[in-house]
Amino acid sequence: MILDRLGVSIGARHNALEDAVATGEVFLKLVKLLEDMGIVTVRQALEAAEKTYFARVKY
């Protein structure tokens, strides 16, 4: 689970406030990971995403 991988804990699941706080924490951690990779704009993030395995998978 992404929460575990990023070290984000959540109190009560399916509680709007707890879910929103956890989502915010995940977002901030992902932004830091992108920044560490030199990705600082949305355009750079989109271009990097297009190069991933999941961008090539046909759903």
Protein backbone atom coordinates (compact mmCIF):
# COMPACT_ATOMS: atom_id res chain seq x y z
CA MET A 1 0.00 0.00 0.00
CA ILE A 2 1.31 3.45 -0.87
CA LEU A 3 0.69 4.74 2.66
CA ASP A 4 3.01 2.11 4.07
CA ARG A 5 5.70 2.67 1.43
CA LEU A 6 5.74 6.39 2.14
CA GLY A 7 5.47 6.07 5.91
CA VAL A 8 2.10 7.79 6.15
CA SER A 9 -0.20 6.65 8.92
CA ILE A 10 -3.95 7.06 8.92
CA GLY A 11 -6.39 6.93 11.81
CA ALA A 12 -9.91 5.90 10.91
CA ARG A 13 -10.26 4.82 7.31
CA HIS A 14 -13.23 5.99 5.27
CA ASN A 15 -13.41 9.11 7.38
CA ALA A 16 -13.38 12.21 5.19
CA LEU A 17 -11.00 14.24 7.33
CA GLU A 18 -8.53 11.38 7.93
CA ASP A 19 -8.57 10.45 4.23
CA ALA A 20 -7.97 14.07 3.20
CA VAL A 21 -5.05 14.48 5.62
CA ALA A 22 -3.45 11.22 4.45
CA THR A 23 -3.92 12.24 0.81
CA GLY A 24 -2.21 15.56 1.51
CA GLU A 25 0.71 13.84 3.22
CA VAL A 26 1.13 11.44 0.28
CA PHE A 27 1.03 14.35 -2.17
CA LEU A 28 3.73 16.26 -0.30
CA LYS A 29 5.97 13.19 -0.10
CA LEU A 30 5.53 12.52 -3.82
CA VAL A 31 6.36 16.14 -4.66
CA LYS A 32 9.60 15.77 -2.66
CA LEU A 33 10.45 12.52 -4.48
CA LEU A 34 9.91 14.22 -7.84
CA GLU A 35 12.02 17.18 -6.77
CA ASP A 36 14.83 14.83 -5.77
CA MET A 37 14.70 13.47 -9.34
CA GLY A 38 14.99 16.99 -10.77
CA ILE A 39 11.33 17.15 -11.73
CA VAL A 40 9.95 20.50 -10.63
CA THR A 41 7.21 21.38 -13.12
CA VAL A 42 3.96 19.70 -14.08
CA ARG A 43 5.22 19.41 -17.67
CA GLN A 44 8.33 17.55 -16.48
CA ALA A 45 6.16 15.25 -14.37
CA LEU A 46 3.90 14.48 -17.34
CA GLU A 47 6.87 13.79 -19.60
CA ALA A 48 8.39 11.46 -17.00
CA ALA A 49 5.06 9.68 -16.54
CA GLU A 50 4.82 9.05 -20.29
CA LYS A 51 8.07 7.08 -20.12
CA THR A 52 6.86 4.63 -17.47
CA TYR A 53 5.70 1.07 -17.98
CA PHE A 54 2.16 1.97 -16.96
CA ALA A 55 1.92 4.56 -19.74
CA ARG A 56 2.46 1.78 -22.28
CA VAL A 57 -0.05 -0.68 -20.83
CA LYS A 58 -3.32 -0.89 -22.73
CA TYR A 59 -6.24 -0.92 -20.31
